[in-house]
């Protein structure tokens, strides 16, 4: 099999555009061949070992495995994060959440609140892509990433270490068992809290791609149909007790439940609760300001 044949075989599963993008990514990242190299036929010069590697990759892709798992990484906010089936693959849409958080932290710094004293909390941290990206953007801040999964935390710690985010730490914590006054979070109170919790209802699973359903952790994806906002109630409760006065919260949300989620935070005492859109025009991020006091 050559790369053109792999594109043809992947097309029924992924569509022609995605199939081409996946195979070209593999050829460039794994074998160092650009699109121009492929057009010039340089794939025919692969060594015997590389051809065997290509065949193994083809098998994995054709059985539906995400290309990020095959290659072992996903790019996010200008950084390369290691991923496996213990964590969600970082999505481009989530980068907007990071941009919003960076802007809020920059505004706080310009108001002379002292970046060196800034603390950031990332709930449901997964691969650590949000926490580590913020830690790298604000190297003098203290960043705490929290997740229930020991396996996910191992990935997050490894990513932070490899990228040099020495100011990020990661803790195991079930946020559904936390409360406003919980003292389990070091470095509190926090200037910013971010969260990308499970929010896909089980009834929505039929709309999802097999590459997600079969290879990404359901623990990080799904919530019960009869209580889809349970994580957001926990996040609101934690934020009330852990955010600085005038601190801000940014959470990724289910687009189908954006108004219900907004109302939850309004009823929890937050101000300036807004639903923000991602680059695809989808309601993706909830932002809320904390106006109380610790």
Protein backbone atom coordinates (compact mmCIF):
# COMPACT_ATOMS: atom_id res chain seq x y z
CA UNK A 1 0.00 0.00 0.00
CA UNK A 2 1.17 3.53 -0.77
CA UNK A 3 -0.05 6.83 0.61
CA UNK A 4 -2.53 7.37 -2.27
CA UNK A 5 -4.09 3.98 -1.64
CA UNK A 6 -4.37 4.75 2.07
CA UNK A 7 -6.19 8.00 1.29
CA UNK A 8 -8.60 6.10 -0.93
CA UNK A 9 -9.30 3.49 1.74
CA UNK A 10 -9.74 6.10 4.48
CA UNK A 11 -12.07 8.29 2.44
CA UNK A 12 -15.28 6.27 3.08
CA UNK A 13 -14.68 6.60 6.83
CA UNK A 14 -13.37 10.15 7.12
CA UNK A 15 -14.27 11.96 3.91
CA UNK A 16 -11.77 12.85 1.25
CA UNK A 17 -10.57 16.11 2.81
CA UNK A 18 -9.89 14.64 6.24
CA UNK A 19 -8.38 11.47 4.76
CA UNK A 20 -5.89 13.53 2.77
CA UNK A 21 -5.03 15.69 5.77
CA UNK A 22 -4.47 12.65 8.00
CA UNK A 23 -2.22 10.82 5.55
CA UNK A 24 -0.22 13.92 4.69
CA UNK A 25 0.27 14.58 8.40
CA UNK A 26 1.56 11.03 8.88
CA UNK A 27 3.90 11.25 5.92
CA UNK A 28 5.37 14.56 7.10
CA UNK A 29 5.57 13.88 10.83
CA UNK A 30 6.65 10.24 10.76
CA UNK A 31 8.63 10.06 7.54
CA UNK A 32 9.69 13.67 6.90
CA UNK A 33 7.99 13.89 3.50
CA UNK A 34 6.27 17.15 2.54
CA UNK A 35 3.38 17.41 0.11
CA UNK A 36 5.84 18.43 -2.58
CA UNK A 37 7.99 15.38 -1.79
CA UNK A 38 4.93 13.19 -2.24
CA UNK A 39 4.06 14.84 -5.55
CA UNK A 40 7.63 14.15 -6.68
CA UNK A 41 7.23 10.47 -5.75
CA UNK A 42 9.76 10.47 -2.93
CA UNK A 43 7.58 8.09 -0.92
CA UNK A 44 8.94 5.35 -3.17
CA UNK A 45 12.36 5.86 -1.58
CA UNK A 46 11.23 4.82 1.91
CA UNK A 47 13.42 2.20 3.51
CA UNK A 48 12.13 -1.31 4.16
CA UNK A 49 11.73 -0.49 7.87
CA UNK A 50 9.80 2.69 7.07
CA UNK A 51 7.50 0.78 4.71
CA UNK A 52 6.74 -1.70 7.49
CA UNK A 53 6.05 1.20 9.86
CA UNK A 54 3.73 2.75 7.27
CA UNK A 55 1.80 -0.51 6.93
CA UNK A 56 1.32 -0.70 10.71
CA UNK A 57 0.13 2.91 10.78
CA UNK A 58 -2.29 2.20 7.94
CA UNK A 59 -3.84 -0.69 9.86
CA UNK A 60 -4.38 1.50 12.93
CA UNK A 61 -5.90 4.34 10.93
CA UNK A 62 -8.20 2.03 8.98
CA UNK A 63 -9.58 0.53 12.19
CA UNK A 64 -10.61 4.05 13.20
CA UNK A 65 -7.84 5.04 15.59
CA UNK A 66 -7.28 8.82 15.78
CA UNK A 67 -4.17 10.02 14.00
CA UNK A 68 -3.15 11.81 17.21
CA UNK A 69 -2.97 8.45 18.98
CA UNK A 70 -1.08 6.91 16.10
CA UNK A 71 1.50 9.71 16.14
CA UNK A 72 1.33 10.14 19.92
CA UNK A 73 0.73 13.88 20.04
CA UNK A 74 -1.70 16.73 19.40
CA UNK A 75 -0.81 20.36 18.77
CA UNK A 76 -2.54 22.89 21.01
CA UNK A 77 -1.91 26.61 21.55
CA UNK A 78 1.44 26.36 19.82
CA UNK A 79 2.66 23.44 21.94
CA UNK A 80 2.84 19.72 21.27
CA UNK A 81 1.09 17.55 23.85
CA UNK A 82 1.50 13.82 24.24
CA UNK A 83 -1.84 12.00 24.16
CA UNK A 84 -3.12 8.47 24.54
CA UNK A 85 -6.47 6.83 25.25
CA UNK A 86 -6.34 7.96 28.89
CA UNK A 87 -7.05 11.57 27.93
CA UNK A 88 -9.20 13.54 25.53
CA UNK A 89 -7.41 14.76 22.43
CA UNK A 90 -7.04 18.56 22.73
CA UNK A 91 -9.37 20.30 20.28
CA UNK A 92 -8.77 23.56 18.41
CA UNK A 93 -12.06 24.88 19.81
CA UNK A 94 -10.67 24.73 23.33
CA UNK A 95 -7.88 27.10 22.36
CA UNK A 96 -10.43 29.92 22.50
CA UNK A 97 -10.93 29.20 26.20
CA UNK A 98 -7.18 29.53 26.76
CA UNK A 99 -7.06 32.79 24.80
CA UNK A 100 -9.87 34.23 26.92
CA UNK A 101 -8.16 33.19 30.14
CA UNK A 102 -4.85 34.68 29.00
CA UNK A 103 -6.58 37.96 28.16
CA UNK A 104 -8.24 38.06 31.58
CA UNK A 105 -4.95 37.37 33.34
CA UNK A 106 -3.16 40.01 31.25
CA UNK A 107 -5.83 42.54 32.20
CA UNK A 108 -5.38 41.66 35.87
CA UNK A 109 -1.64 42.14 35.51
CA UNK A 110 -2.01 45.51 33.82
CA UNK A 111 -4.19 46.56 36.74
CA UNK A 112 -1.12 45.95 38.93
CA UNK A 113 -2.56 42.95 40.73
CA UNK A 114 0.83 41.28 40.43
CA UNK A 115 1.35 38.45 37.98
CA UNK A 116 3.94 36.92 40.28
CA UNK A 117 1.16 36.29 42.81
CA UNK A 118 -1.35 34.94 40.29
CA UNK A 119 -2.79 31.49 40.89
CA UNK A 120 -4.79 29.57 38.29
CA UNK A 121 -6.95 26.48 38.81
CA UNK A 122 -7.79 24.10 35.96
CA UNK A 123 -10.55 21.61 36.73
CA UNK A 124 -10.85 18.31 34.81
CA UNK A 125 -7.39 18.94 33.42
CA UNK A 126 -7.02 15.73 31.38
CA UNK A 127 -3.86 15.97 29.28
CA UNK A 128 -3.01 19.22 31.04
CA UNK A 129 -3.22 21.15 27.78
CA UNK A 130 -5.09 24.11 29.33
CA UNK A 131 -3.11 24.19 32.58
CA UNK A 132 0.26 23.80 30.87
CA UNK A 133 -0.52 26.38 28.18
CA UNK A 134 -1.46 28.90 30.88
CA UNK A 135 1.61 28.01 32.93
CA UNK A 136 3.85 28.62 29.93
CA UNK A 137 2.11 31.92 29.15
CA UNK A 138 2.51 33.07 32.77
CA UNK A 139 5.73 31.47 34.08
CA UNK A 140 5.57 33.35 37.38
CA UNK A 141 2.03 32.20 38.13
CA UNK A 142 1.19 29.06 40.07
CA UNK A 143 -1.07 26.71 38.14
CA UNK A 144 -2.95 23.80 39.69
CA UNK A 145 -4.51 21.15 37.47
CA UNK A 146 -7.04 18.75 38.96
CA UNK A 147 -8.46 15.49 37.64
CA UNK A 148 -10.06 12.36 39.04
CA UNK A 149 -8.07 10.06 36.74
CA UNK A 150 -4.65 8.89 37.92
CA UNK A 151 -3.81 7.90 34.35
CA UNK A 152 -4.74 11.32 32.98
CA UNK A 153 -2.67 13.03 35.66
CA UNK A 154 0.36 10.99 34.66
CA UNK A 155 -0.04 12.27 31.09
CA UNK A 156 -0.53 15.86 32.32
CA UNK A 157 2.57 15.77 34.53
CA UNK A 158 4.67 14.33 31.72
CA UNK A 159 3.45 17.02 29.31
CA UNK A 160 4.20 19.84 31.74
CA UNK A 161 7.67 18.44 32.48
CA UNK A 162 8.54 17.95 28.82
CA UNK A 163 7.39 21.47 27.91
CA UNK A 164 9.19 23.06 30.85
CA UNK A 165 6.11 24.23 32.78
CA UNK A 166 7.71 23.86 36.19
CA UNK A 167 5.11 26.18 37.72
CA UNK A 168 2.29 23.70 37.03
CA UNK A 169 1.29 21.05 39.56
CA UNK A 170 -1.34 18.36 39.22
CA UNK A 171 -3.55 16.84 41.90
CA UNK A 172 -6.03 13.99 42.03
CA UNK A 173 -9.43 15.25 43.11
CA UNK A 174 -13.05 14.33 42.45
CA UNK A 175 -14.64 17.73 41.96
CA UNK A 176 -18.10 16.27 42.53
CA UNK A 177 -17.07 15.68 46.14
CA UNK A 178 -15.62 19.14 46.70
CA UNK A 179 -17.36 22.09 48.33
CA UNK A 180 -17.01 25.87 48.46
CA UNK A 181 -14.86 25.75 51.55
CA UNK A 182 -12.76 22.78 50.47
CA UNK A 183 -9.11 23.26 51.41
CA UNK A 184 -7.84 20.64 48.97
CA UNK A 185 -6.65 23.23 46.47
CA UNK A 186 -3.23 24.75 47.19
CA UNK A 187 -2.42 28.28 46.05
CA UNK A 188 -6.01 29.46 46.50
CA UNK A 189 -7.66 31.90 46.12
CA UNK A 190 -7.37 31.89 42.33
CA UNK A 191 -7.48 34.76 39.85
CA UNK A 192 -8.84 32.49 37.13
CA UNK A 193 -10.50 29.08 37.12
CA UNK A 194 -10.78 27.10 33.90
CA UNK A 195 -12.69 23.88 33.30
CA UNK A 196 -13.41 21.46 30.48
CA UNK A 197 -15.60 18.91 32.26
CA UNK A 198 -17.58 15.99 30.85
CA UNK A 199 -20.69 17.43 29.20
CA UNK A 200 -21.89 15.09 26.43
CA UNK A 201 -25.22 13.48 27.23
CA UNK A 202 -25.44 9.76 26.66
CA UNK A 203 -28.33 10.39 24.26
CA UNK A 204 -25.94 12.41 22.07
CA UNK A 205 -23.44 9.57 21.67
CA UNK A 206 -25.05 8.40 18.42
CA UNK A 207 -24.00 11.71 16.83
CA UNK A 208 -20.34 11.22 17.69
CA UNK A 209 -17.59 9.89 15.46
CA UNK A 210 -16.36 6.33 16.11
CA UNK A 211 -12.83 7.71 16.46
CA UNK A 212 -14.04 9.50 19.60
CA UNK A 213 -16.41 6.85 20.97
CA UNK A 214 -14.03 3.95 20.55
CA UNK A 215 -10.72 5.54 21.52
CA UNK A 216 -11.26 8.42 23.96
CA UNK A 217 -12.11 7.99 27.67
CA UNK A 218 -15.85 7.95 28.36
CA UNK A 219 -15.13 9.15 31.90
CA UNK A 220 -14.05 12.49 30.43
CA UNK A 221 -16.87 12.68 27.90
CA UNK A 222 -20.27 11.66 29.20
CA UNK A 223 -22.82 12.82 31.75
CA UNK A 224 -26.20 11.28 32.59
CA UNK A 225 -29.13 12.34 30.44
CA UNK A 226 -31.15 13.13 33.56
CA UNK A 227 -28.48 15.36 35.14
CA UNK A 228 -26.28 16.84 32.40
CA UNK A 229 -25.17 19.89 34.40
CA UNK A 230 -23.89 18.07 37.47
CA UNK A 231 -20.28 19.07 36.81
CA UNK A 232 -21.21 22.71 36.31
CA UNK A 233 -22.98 22.81 39.67
CA UNK A 234 -19.77 21.49 41.24
CA UNK A 235 -17.65 24.00 39.32
CA UNK A 236 -19.89 26.88 40.40
CA UNK A 237 -19.66 25.75 44.02
CA UNK A 238 -15.87 25.42 43.90
CA UNK A 239 -15.48 28.76 42.15
CA UNK A 240 -17.56 30.58 44.76
CA UNK A 241 -15.13 29.45 47.41
CA UNK A 242 -11.88 29.54 45.46
CA UNK A 243 -11.99 32.60 43.19
CA UNK A 244 -10.61 35.96 44.20
CA UNK A 245 -13.07 38.86 44.29
CA UNK A 246 -13.41 39.95 40.65
CA UNK A 247 -11.85 36.62 39.61
CA UNK A 248 -13.07 34.99 36.42
CA UNK A 249 -14.24 31.56 35.37
CA UNK A 250 -14.01 30.06 31.89
CA UNK A 251 -15.64 26.70 31.17
CA UNK A 252 -16.23 24.73 28.00
CA UNK A 253 -19.90 23.81 27.63
CA UNK A 254 -22.37 21.73 25.67
CA UNK A 255 -23.70 23.97 22.90
CA UNK A 256 -27.13 22.37 23.19
CA UNK A 257 -27.33 23.36 26.86
CA UNK A 258 -25.71 26.79 26.73
CA UNK A 259 -28.68 28.74 28.08
CA UNK A 260 -29.36 26.23 30.86
CA UNK A 261 -25.69 26.43 31.86
CA UNK A 262 -25.73 30.21 31.82
CA UNK A 263 -28.81 30.28 34.05
CA UNK A 264 -27.15 27.88 36.48
CA UNK A 265 -24.24 30.29 37.02
CA UNK A 266 -26.53 33.31 37.26
CA UNK A 267 -28.57 31.57 39.93
CA UNK A 268 -25.32 30.65 41.71
CA UNK A 269 -24.47 34.30 42.26
CA UNK A 270 -22.11 35.01 39.36
CA UNK A 271 -22.22 38.21 37.36
CA UNK A 272 -21.51 39.03 33.73
CA UNK A 273 -22.29 35.45 32.71
CA UNK A 274 -21.78 35.14 28.98
CA UNK A 275 -21.73 32.40 26.38
CA UNK A 276 -18.88 32.86 23.90
CA UNK A 277 -18.51 31.31 20.47
CA UNK A 278 -15.59 29.34 19.10
CA UNK A 279 -13.97 29.88 15.71
CA UNK A 280 -16.67 27.76 14.10
CA UNK A 281 -19.45 29.97 15.44
CA UNK A 282 -20.64 27.44 18.01
CA UNK A 283 -21.56 28.48 21.58
CA UNK A 284 -18.61 26.82 23.28
CA UNK A 285 -17.37 28.75 26.32
CA UNK A 286 -19.06 30.17 29.36
CA UNK A 287 -17.38 33.10 31.11
CA UNK A 288 -18.47 34.40 34.48
CA UNK A 289 -17.17 36.99 36.92
CA UNK A 290 -17.11 36.42 40.65
CA UNK A 291 -18.30 39.46 42.56
CA UNK A 292 -18.41 38.09 46.08
CA UNK A 293 -15.72 37.85 48.71
CA UNK A 294 -13.77 35.01 50.25
